[in-house]
Amino acid sequence: MNNPRRKISNGVKFRQSLFWDTNPKNINTKKHAQYIIERILDFGNDKEVKWAFNFYNKKLLKKIIVKSRCLRPETKNLWTLLLSENK
């Protein structure tokens, strides 16, 4: 039976459906930070969002949210508001 969760290069497990267009084994949490953050903020569950907020610093999260061309407008607005409240 296939495991719906796959490990990313440093041992973190994410759902395959979150990274449907690539093999999660090839994702590096530092090198592919923008890709990971955008996917988690747009499509991640509570556990994945919590991991991202603990793993990446707030400055990087804010920078990616502001500059992202991939995030849906609703997602961008939500996370911009939430991060501005949690200074």
Protein backbone atom coordinates (compact mmCIF):
# COMPACT_ATOMS: atom_id res chain seq x y z
CA MET A 1 0.00 0.00 0.00
CA ASN A 2 1.32 3.47 -0.87
CA ASN A 3 2.12 5.81 1.97
CA PRO A 4 0.40 9.18 1.30
CA ARG A 5 3.16 10.91 3.27
CA ARG A 6 6.65 11.16 1.84
CA LYS A 7 9.88 12.39 3.38
CA ILE A 8 11.55 15.54 2.16
CA SER A 9 15.35 15.52 2.11
CA ASN A 10 15.84 16.36 5.79
CA GLY A 11 13.33 13.84 7.13
CA VAL A 12 10.24 16.06 7.31
CA LYS A 13 7.10 14.26 6.13
CA PHE A 14 4.47 15.88 3.94
CA ARG A 15 1.47 14.55 2.07
CA GLN A 16 2.22 13.62 -1.54
CA SER A 17 -0.89 15.61 -2.54
CA LEU A 18 0.79 18.77 -1.26
CA PHE A 19 3.67 18.31 -3.71
CA TRP A 20 1.77 16.65 -6.55
CA ASP A 21 4.12 17.89 -9.26
CA THR A 22 7.41 16.61 -7.88
CA ASN A 23 8.98 13.82 -5.89
CA PRO A 24 9.09 14.99 -2.23
CA LYS A 25 12.37 13.12 -1.79
CA ASN A 26 14.02 15.68 -4.07
CA ILE A 27 12.86 18.72 -2.11
CA ASN A 28 15.42 20.49 0.07
CA THR A 29 13.90 22.58 2.89
CA LYS A 30 16.49 25.35 2.58
CA LYS A 31 17.04 25.41 -1.17
CA HIS A 32 13.32 25.13 -1.99
CA ALA A 33 11.96 27.23 0.88
CA GLN A 34 9.77 29.44 -1.30
CA TYR A 35 8.20 26.46 -3.05
CA ILE A 36 7.50 24.69 0.25
CA ILE A 37 6.11 27.78 1.97
CA GLU A 38 3.81 28.68 -0.93
CA ARG A 39 2.40 25.16 -1.10
CA ILE A 40 1.89 24.88 2.64
CA LEU A 41 0.23 28.29 2.98
CA ASP A 42 -2.07 27.64 0.02
CA PHE A 43 -2.89 23.95 0.53
CA GLY A 44 -1.38 22.73 3.80
CA ASN A 45 -3.21 21.42 6.83
CA ASP A 46 -2.82 22.77 10.36
CA LYS A 47 0.10 20.48 11.18
CA GLU A 48 2.01 21.50 8.04
CA VAL A 49 1.39 25.23 8.62
CA LYS A 50 2.55 24.88 12.22
CA TRP A 51 5.71 23.13 11.01
CA ALA A 52 6.44 25.92 8.49
CA PHE A 53 6.01 28.62 11.13
CA ASN A 54 8.36 26.78 13.48
CA PHE A 55 10.93 25.88 10.82
CA TYR A 56 11.18 29.14 8.85
CA ASN A 57 11.67 32.56 10.41
CA LYS A 58 8.87 35.13 10.22
CA LYS A 59 10.93 37.53 8.13
CA LEU A 60 11.35 34.93 5.38
CA LEU A 61 7.66 33.99 5.54
CA LYS A 62 6.60 37.63 5.18
CA LYS A 63 9.04 38.20 2.30
CA ILE A 64 7.77 35.19 0.39
CA ILE A 65 4.12 36.10 0.96
CA VAL A 66 4.62 39.67 -0.25
CA LYS A 67 6.65 38.73 -3.34
CA SER A 68 4.87 35.51 -4.31
CA ARG A 69 3.24 35.31 -7.71
CA CYS A 70 1.87 31.83 -6.99
CA LEU A 71 -0.21 32.34 -3.87
CA ARG A 72 -3.90 32.81 -4.39
CA PRO A 73 -5.06 36.37 -3.49
CA GLU A 74 -7.19 35.05 -0.61
CA THR A 75 -4.21 33.17 0.81
CA LYS A 76 -1.94 36.17 0.44
CA ASN A 77 -4.42 38.45 2.22
CA LEU A 78 -5.00 36.00 5.06
CA TRP A 79 -1.34 35.38 5.83
CA THR A 80 -0.40 39.04 5.43
CA LEU A 81 -3.05 39.91 8.03
CA LEU A 82 -2.10 37.08 10.40
CA LEU A 83 1.61 37.85 10.26
CA SER A 84 1.05 41.56 10.79
CA GLU A 85 -0.92 40.81 13.97
CA ASN A 86 1.76 38.47 15.34
CA LYS A 87 4.74 40.83 15.27
